[in-house]
Structure formats: structure tokens, C-alpha cells
Protein backbone atom coordinates (compact mmCIF):
# COMPACT_ATOMS: atom_id res chain seq x y z
CA MET A 1 -2.63 -12.03 -7.36
CA ALA A 2 -3.03 -15.49 -5.86
CA TYR A 3 -4.01 -18.44 -8.04
CA ASN A 4 -7.35 -18.94 -6.29
CA PHE A 5 -8.25 -15.36 -7.28
CA THR A 6 -7.53 -15.92 -10.98
CA LYS A 7 -10.80 -17.55 -11.92
CA ALA A 8 -11.69 -17.17 -15.59
CA SER A 9 -15.18 -16.02 -14.60
CA TRP A 10 -13.62 -13.05 -12.77
CA TYR A 11 -11.47 -12.12 -15.78
CA PRO A 12 -13.63 -13.07 -18.79
CA TYR A 13 -11.71 -10.66 -21.04
CA CYS A 14 -8.40 -12.36 -20.26
CA ASP A 15 -6.79 -15.20 -22.20
CA ILE A 16 -6.82 -18.21 -19.88
CA ASP A 17 -3.05 -18.68 -20.34
CA PHE A 18 -2.36 -15.27 -18.82
CA LEU A 19 -4.06 -16.39 -15.60
CA GLN A 20 -1.88 -19.44 -15.05
CA ALA A 21 0.84 -19.33 -12.40
CA ARG A 22 3.28 -21.08 -14.75
CA TYR A 23 2.89 -18.16 -17.16
CA ARG A 24 2.70 -15.32 -14.68
CA SER A 25 5.32 -16.25 -12.06
CA PRO A 26 8.42 -16.18 -14.31
CA ARG A 27 7.31 -12.84 -15.72
CA ILE A 28 6.78 -11.36 -12.27
CA LEU A 29 10.24 -12.58 -11.31
CA LYS A 30 11.64 -11.01 -14.48
CA GLU A 31 10.08 -7.66 -13.54
CA LEU A 32 11.62 -7.89 -10.06
CA LYS A 33 15.01 -8.76 -11.53
CA GLN A 34 14.89 -5.84 -13.96
CA ALA A 35 13.84 -3.36 -11.27
CA SER A 36 16.41 -4.78 -8.82
CA PRO A 37 15.10 -2.95 -5.72
CA ASP A 38 16.86 -3.23 -2.38
CA ILE A 39 13.54 -4.10 -0.71
CA ILE A 40 10.62 -5.97 -2.29
CA CYS A 41 7.06 -6.12 -0.95
CA LEU A 42 4.61 -8.59 -2.49
CA GLN A 43 0.95 -9.00 -1.60
CA GLU A 44 -1.44 -11.87 -2.32
CA CYS A 45 1.31 -14.39 -2.94
CA ASP A 46 0.41 -18.09 -2.89
CA HIS A 47 1.94 -19.78 0.14
CA ASP A 48 2.97 -22.94 -1.77
CA LEU A 49 4.17 -20.98 -4.79
CA TYR A 50 6.32 -18.83 -2.53
CA HIS A 51 8.16 -21.85 -1.15
CA GLU A 52 8.39 -23.65 -4.48
CA PHE A 53 9.22 -20.75 -6.78
CA TYR A 54 9.68 -17.26 -5.33
CA LYS A 55 11.83 -18.07 -2.32
CA PRO A 56 14.48 -20.13 -4.17
CA ASN A 57 14.56 -17.76 -7.14
CA LEU A 58 14.78 -14.65 -4.97
CA ASP A 59 17.58 -16.37 -3.09
CA LYS A 60 19.47 -16.80 -6.37
CA LEU A 61 19.05 -13.08 -7.02
CA GLY A 62 20.63 -12.27 -3.64
CA TYR A 63 17.48 -11.67 -1.59
CA GLU A 64 16.54 -12.92 1.85
CA SER A 65 12.74 -13.26 1.96
CA LEU A 66 10.20 -13.36 4.78
CA ILE A 67 6.54 -14.34 4.72
CA SER A 68 3.56 -13.77 6.95
CA VAL A 69 0.05 -15.21 6.99
CA ALA A 70 -2.98 -14.10 9.00
CA ASN A 71 -3.76 -17.66 10.11
CA PRO A 72 -2.57 -21.22 9.29
CA ASN A 73 -5.59 -21.88 7.08
CA ARG A 74 -4.86 -19.01 4.72
CA ILE A 75 -3.28 -19.97 1.39
CA VAL A 76 -2.04 -16.48 0.54
CA THR A 77 0.77 -14.55 2.14
CA ILE A 78 2.54 -11.22 2.06
CA VAL A 79 6.28 -11.15 1.41
CA ILE A 80 9.16 -8.84 2.30
CA ALA A 81 12.48 -9.53 0.59
CA TYR A 82 15.70 -7.55 0.98
CA LYS A 83 19.12 -7.70 -0.61
CA ARG A 84 21.61 -9.44 1.64
CA SER A 85 24.39 -7.23 0.26
CA VAL A 86 22.56 -4.07 1.37
CA PHE A 87 20.71 -4.94 4.58
CA SER A 88 20.86 -7.29 7.52
CA LEU A 89 17.78 -8.32 9.47
CA VAL A 90 17.53 -6.97 13.01
CA LYS A 91 13.99 -8.09 13.77
CA LYS A 92 10.93 -9.56 12.10
CA ASP A 93 7.57 -8.51 13.50
CA TYR A 94 3.94 -9.25 12.80
CA LEU A 95 0.74 -7.33 13.44
CA ASP A 96 -2.65 -9.06 13.42
CA LEU A 97 -5.16 -6.52 12.11
CA ASN A 98 -8.09 -8.54 13.42
CA GLU A 99 -6.98 -8.59 17.05
CA ASP A 100 -8.65 -5.93 19.22
CA LEU A 101 -10.44 -4.39 16.22
CA ASP A 102 -12.85 -7.34 16.01
CA LYS A 103 -13.80 -6.66 19.63
CA LEU A 104 -15.44 -3.45 18.39
CA ASP A 105 -17.52 -5.25 15.78
CA ASP A 106 -17.43 -8.61 13.97
CA SER A 107 -17.13 -6.76 10.65
CA PHE A 108 -13.48 -5.98 11.48
CA HIS A 109 -12.52 -9.68 11.36
CA LYS A 110 -11.08 -9.88 7.84
CA HIS A 111 -7.94 -12.06 8.19
CA LYS A 112 -5.58 -9.20 7.43
CA GLU A 113 -2.11 -8.49 8.76
CA ALA A 114 0.98 -6.34 8.45
CA MET A 115 4.51 -7.71 8.36
CA ILE A 116 7.39 -5.63 9.63
CA ALA A 117 11.11 -6.07 9.02
CA LEU A 118 13.54 -3.89 10.96
CA LEU A 119 16.64 -3.76 8.76
CA LYS A 120 20.15 -2.39 9.25
CA HIS A 121 21.74 -0.66 6.29
CA LYS A 122 25.21 -2.18 6.04
CA ILE A 123 27.05 0.87 4.69
CA THR A 124 25.63 3.57 6.96
CA GLY A 125 24.54 1.48 9.93
CA LYS A 126 21.18 3.25 9.87
CA SER A 127 17.95 1.36 10.47
CA VAL A 128 14.98 1.06 8.14
CA THR A 129 11.59 -0.33 9.11
CA ALA A 130 9.93 -1.96 6.09
CA VAL A 131 6.21 -2.61 6.45
CA ASN A 132 4.06 -4.60 4.05
CA THR A 133 0.28 -4.90 4.22
CA HIS A 134 -2.85 -5.66 2.20
CA LEU A 135 -5.97 -3.91 3.48
CA PHE A 136 -9.51 -5.24 3.10
CA TRP A 137 -10.89 -4.87 -0.41
CA ASN A 138 -14.61 -4.09 -0.09
CA PRO A 139 -15.51 -0.39 -0.67
CA GLU A 140 -18.62 -0.96 1.44
CA TYR A 141 -16.37 -1.19 4.51
CA GLU A 142 -14.17 1.87 4.42
CA TYR A 143 -14.27 2.10 8.22
CA VAL A 144 -12.63 -1.35 8.38
CA LYS A 145 -9.74 -0.22 6.17
CA TYR A 146 -9.50 2.98 8.20
CA GLY A 147 -9.23 0.95 11.40
CA GLN A 148 -6.60 -1.29 9.85
CA ILE A 149 -4.37 1.57 8.69
CA SER A 150 -4.73 3.38 12.02
CA LYS A 151 -3.69 0.25 13.90
CA ILE A 152 -0.60 -0.15 11.68
CA PHE A 153 0.43 3.47 12.13
CA LYS A 154 0.02 3.54 15.88
CA TYR A 155 1.93 0.28 16.27
CA ILE A 156 4.79 1.50 14.09
CA GLU A 157 4.85 4.82 15.88
CA SER A 158 5.07 3.16 19.28
CA LYS A 159 7.86 0.72 18.40
CA TYR A 160 9.80 1.86 15.33
CA ASN A 161 9.53 5.64 15.08
CA SER A 162 13.26 6.15 15.74
CA SER A 163 14.11 4.46 12.43
CA SER A 164 13.35 5.42 8.84
CA ILE A 165 9.98 3.97 7.86
CA VAL A 166 8.71 2.67 4.52
CA ILE A 167 5.16 1.31 4.38
CA SER A 168 4.13 -0.43 1.16
CA GLY A 169 1.04 -2.29 0.15
CA ASP A 170 -2.26 -2.66 -1.57
CA PHE A 171 -4.49 -0.32 0.44
CA ASN A 172 -7.57 -0.98 -1.73
CA SER A 173 -8.23 2.75 -1.37
CA MET A 174 -8.16 5.62 -3.83
CA PRO A 175 -5.85 8.62 -3.25
CA TRP A 176 -8.66 10.86 -1.99
CA SER A 177 -10.08 8.19 0.34
CA ASN A 178 -10.34 8.51 4.09
CA VAL A 179 -7.52 5.96 4.42
CA LEU A 180 -5.16 8.45 2.76
CA ARG A 181 -6.71 11.29 4.73
CA TYR A 182 -5.64 9.42 7.86
CA VAL A 183 -2.08 9.13 6.53
CA TYR A 184 -2.01 12.93 6.12
CA LYS A 185 -3.75 13.51 9.47
CA ILE A 186 -6.82 15.10 7.90
CA LYS A 187 -10.25 14.59 9.45
CA PRO A 188 -12.34 11.88 7.73
CA LEU A 189 -15.01 13.01 5.33
CA VAL A 190 -18.17 10.93 5.64
CA ASN A 191 -21.43 11.64 3.88
CA SER A 192 -24.65 9.76 3.28
CA ASN A 193 -23.87 9.32 -0.42
CA ALA A 194 -20.75 7.25 0.25
CA LYS A 195 -20.78 3.48 -0.18
CA GLY A 196 -21.49 1.35 2.85
CA ASP A 197 -23.15 1.91 6.18
CA TYR A 198 -23.12 5.63 6.93
CA TYR A 199 -23.56 5.05 10.66
CA ASN A 200 -20.61 2.65 10.98
CA ASN A 201 -18.42 4.72 8.68
CA LYS A 202 -18.95 7.83 10.74
CA LYS A 203 -18.92 6.12 14.13
CA TYR A 204 -15.69 4.20 13.70
CA MET A 205 -13.71 6.62 11.55
CA ASP A 206 -14.45 9.46 13.94
CA LYS A 207 -13.42 7.18 16.79
CA PHE A 208 -10.09 6.19 15.20
CA TYR A 209 -9.34 9.75 14.14
CA THR A 210 -9.98 11.04 17.65
CA GLU A 211 -8.33 8.23 19.61
CA SER A 212 -5.65 6.86 17.27
CA LEU A 213 -4.35 9.71 15.14
CA HIS A 214 -0.60 9.37 14.59
CA ASN A 215 2.06 12.07 14.96
CA MET A 216 4.50 10.84 12.33
CA ASN A 217 5.59 12.75 9.23
CA ILE A 218 4.52 10.16 6.68
CA ARG A 219 3.91 10.96 3.02
CA SER A 220 3.09 9.08 -0.15
CA ALA A 221 6.05 8.75 -2.52
CA TYR A 222 3.73 9.28 -5.50
CA GLU A 223 2.01 12.42 -4.18
CA ASN A 224 3.77 14.55 -6.81
CA TYR A 225 3.90 11.97 -9.58
CA LYS A 226 1.89 14.09 -12.00
CA PRO A 227 2.51 17.83 -12.50
CA ALA A 228 1.06 19.73 -9.56
CA ALA A 229 -2.22 21.46 -10.28
CA GLN A 230 -2.43 25.21 -9.79
CA GLY A 231 -3.98 25.89 -6.40
CA GLU A 232 -6.72 28.47 -6.06
CA LYS A 233 -6.80 31.04 -3.32
CA VAL A 234 -9.67 30.31 -0.99
CA GLY A 235 -11.34 32.02 1.87
CA LYS A 236 -11.14 35.59 3.00
CA LYS A 237 -8.58 37.20 5.20
CA GLU A 238 -11.01 37.82 8.03
CA ASP A 239 -12.19 34.20 8.16
CA GLN A 240 -8.91 32.66 9.25
CA THR A 241 -10.35 29.35 10.56
CA LEU A 242 -12.34 28.60 7.42
CA MET A 243 -9.43 29.59 5.20
CA SER A 244 -7.12 27.17 7.01
CA GLU A 245 -9.56 24.27 6.64
CA GLN A 246 -10.13 25.02 2.97
CA ILE A 247 -6.42 25.26 2.24
CA GLU A 248 -5.90 21.91 3.93
CA GLU A 249 -8.57 20.35 1.71
CA VAL A 250 -7.16 21.96 -1.46
CA LYS A 251 -3.64 20.72 -0.72
CA PHE A 252 -4.87 17.20 0.01
CA ASN A 253 -6.98 17.09 -3.15
CA GLU A 254 -4.04 18.30 -5.21
CA LEU A 255 -1.70 15.61 -3.95
CA ALA A 256 -4.46 13.02 -4.38
CA ASP A 257 -4.92 14.09 -8.00
CA ASN A 258 -1.17 13.94 -8.56
CA HIS A 259 -1.06 10.18 -7.97
CA PRO A 260 -1.05 7.81 -10.96
CA ASP A 261 -4.44 7.36 -12.60
CA PHE A 262 -4.31 3.66 -11.83
CA THR A 263 -2.21 0.85 -10.43
CA ASN A 264 -5.06 -1.66 -10.85
CA TYR A 265 -6.83 -2.01 -14.20
CA THR A 266 -9.55 -4.58 -14.89
CA GLU A 267 -12.75 -4.63 -16.91
CA GLU A 268 -14.86 -3.54 -13.95
CA PHE A 269 -12.50 -1.08 -12.25
CA ASN A 270 -9.36 0.96 -12.65
CA GLY A 271 -7.77 3.22 -10.07
CA CYS A 272 -4.76 3.85 -7.86
CA LEU A 273 -4.84 1.39 -4.96
CA ASP A 274 -1.15 0.76 -4.25
CA TYR A 275 1.19 3.00 -2.28
CA ILE A 276 4.68 3.49 -0.94
CA LEU A 277 4.66 5.68 2.16
CA TYR A 278 7.79 6.98 3.83
CA SER A 279 8.96 9.03 6.79
CA ALA A 280 9.68 12.38 5.18
CA ASP A 281 11.73 13.61 8.14
CA LYS A 282 14.27 10.80 7.78
CA LEU A 283 14.23 9.92 4.08
CA GLU A 284 14.46 12.00 0.91
CA LEU A 285 12.76 10.87 -2.27
CA ASN A 286 15.21 10.49 -5.16
CA ALA A 287 13.20 8.90 -7.97
CA LEU A 288 9.98 7.08 -8.86
CA MET A 289 9.26 4.26 -11.24
CA GLU A 290 6.93 5.33 -14.02
CA VAL A 291 3.50 3.73 -14.16
CA PRO A 292 2.00 2.84 -17.56
CA ASN A 293 -0.73 5.18 -18.73
CA ASN A 294 -3.93 4.58 -20.70
CA ILE A 295 -2.12 4.78 -24.02
CA GLU A 296 0.45 2.17 -22.98
CA ILE A 297 -2.14 -0.15 -21.48
CA LYS A 298 -4.26 0.35 -24.63
CA ASN A 299 -7.36 -0.87 -22.85
CA LEU A 300 -6.00 -4.43 -22.74
CA LYS A 301 -7.03 -4.71 -19.09
CA LEU A 302 -4.89 -6.64 -16.63
CA PRO A 303 -3.42 -9.21 -16.53
CA ASN A 304 -2.27 -9.59 -20.14
CA TYR A 305 0.73 -10.67 -22.19
CA ARG A 306 2.72 -7.58 -21.14
CA TYR A 307 1.69 -7.25 -17.51
CA PRO A 308 1.46 -10.48 -15.45
CA SER A 309 -0.76 -9.17 -12.64
CA ASP A 310 -3.95 -7.15 -12.29
CA HIS A 311 -1.82 -4.62 -10.37
CA LEU A 312 1.13 -2.71 -11.79
CA LYS A 313 4.46 -2.55 -9.99
CA ILE A 314 5.52 0.70 -8.33
CA ALA A 315 8.90 1.62 -6.89
CA ALA A 316 10.65 4.52 -5.21
CA GLN A 317 14.28 5.35 -4.54
CA PHE A 318 15.23 7.08 -1.29
CA ARG A 319 18.33 8.38 0.41
CA PHE A 320 18.85 8.97 4.08
CA SER A 321 18.40 12.57 5.20
CA LYS A 322 21.58 14.12 6.55
């Protein structure tokens, strides 16, 4: 949550003090210190504030940190930090999400990027590819977000698929969105009632699904966060094709519903927008950080005196598969 996005007019319900970087930054750092993850991914971090505050303080906590910006004129950055005692850096990489996509249509030029850190686990010698991204926000342009996530996946698949993969970020997409359908390799669902331009949504999402579908075994760490819903039997035995398609939809909707109710909570919107994805064939999920619920938030909206950002932190613990 960068300082230029903390205008009082955008958060009229929020005490002005809770929007100030001098109030929020130490509390964000405190949350990071308490969680003590081996890898940290931050989105929408102020470039100057990173150099003046986050970088030196993360260094004191034992983290090496890396930043990436879409262009020199941008004042916000994404950050990957890792514990020096746990990992060593093999390679830092960067993916411009505008390049090539904006050749399809000017609407794809959104100054977005993905940062990639190939890390070596010091104890096991195994490699981990950490990816951090922040997809375009506007729900009117789902095809843009779909193109961005497909570009990230295909790039990672082509260069880093031999390592364990963890992709974190603000996807600005709900669990049942077409962005998550792409992650699970399920055909996009586009209808005329959806937000945005139906023609562009269908044209480009069908194109990316057909031409850029990945073959990785990637799953959301929070897909079973809530108790799994009881699935209903669908279809008839003689209609094998229809039954298969329906089962696929039911399973996807169940895992979508099992995500937290929200990771972003403001006066105008609340929903789950943030994700940790991982390669399920190389990593096993050990534990998840709990996300506050409606009772704990108590309709205070974010940010507030307890939570220093309009997004809540999420975290997952993994172990290498044998």
C-alpha cells in the first residue's frame, strides 16, 4: 500500500494517522518480524521508503532484499526478501508484463512486472524459484490480468520448471475468477453479464488459453483453508463427457469457496485477492497462517489501528517432497 495510494478521500472511514507511512511502516515490519518467514514478498512498496526504511531494517533481521520496478518513473516497487541463513541467491530475474502483450492491444500496457529470485536452500542444496507480482487492478479488464498471469506461468515453465516454485502476489482476482481458472488449467468462463468488454474478454482469454496454457502442477496454498464443502454427484453414467466437465467445475468451485473470505477489506470492497501458489509435485504444504475473519475485523475496514494495510498478510509453510 504505497503512500501515494493512501489518500484520505479514498479511505474516508479511516483515521488519517493510520494512513501515514510513519505509523504504518513500523507496524508492517513488526508483523514481518513476528511471522519470521524464510521468504517475504511485498507489493506496492514505496521505492524511497524501501531504501530508507525496509531495506536497512530487513537487513538487521537477517534478510537480503531485492526490488524491481516496471520503469524508472514508477515510485512503487515489488520486493522479495530471503533469510541469508536459509538461502543463497543464484539468480535474480525480471519479467516485463507489458512487453509483447501491448503489441496485441494498447490496453495491455499497465506498467506491471514480475520479479523472480532463484534461490539455493543451504541445508538441502535444492533450488526454489520465488516469484512476486502485482496484477492489474481494474475488474473491467480481466483479459489483461489473464494475459499477465499466462505470461508469468509460461516464462517460469520455460526457465525454472526444474526447481520448486512459489508464486506470491496480489492478483486482484477473486478465487473463482478466470485468472485462477488459468492456474488450474480450466477453460475460461466468459459471459455477457461479466464486467468489461465481452468481446475483448472472450477474444484474448480464449487466445491465451489455447496458445499459452501451462503444463505445471501449480496449486493455491489456501485452496483448502476452509472445511471442504460436500460435493454433489453430477451427470449420468451414459453422458461421460458432460459428467467430466461438470465434475471439473464442481471441484474448482469447491476449492474457490474454500479460500479465505477476504484478504482485502475496505468500505467499498472486500474479497480474497492475494495468493501463494506452489508446485505441488515438488513441495508439500505443512501449515497456513490464519486470516482474520469478519468477527475479528469487526467491520473496522482496513487499514486501522490493528492492521496497517488494506490487505492482510498471508503465509504458508512448505517442505520439500522426498
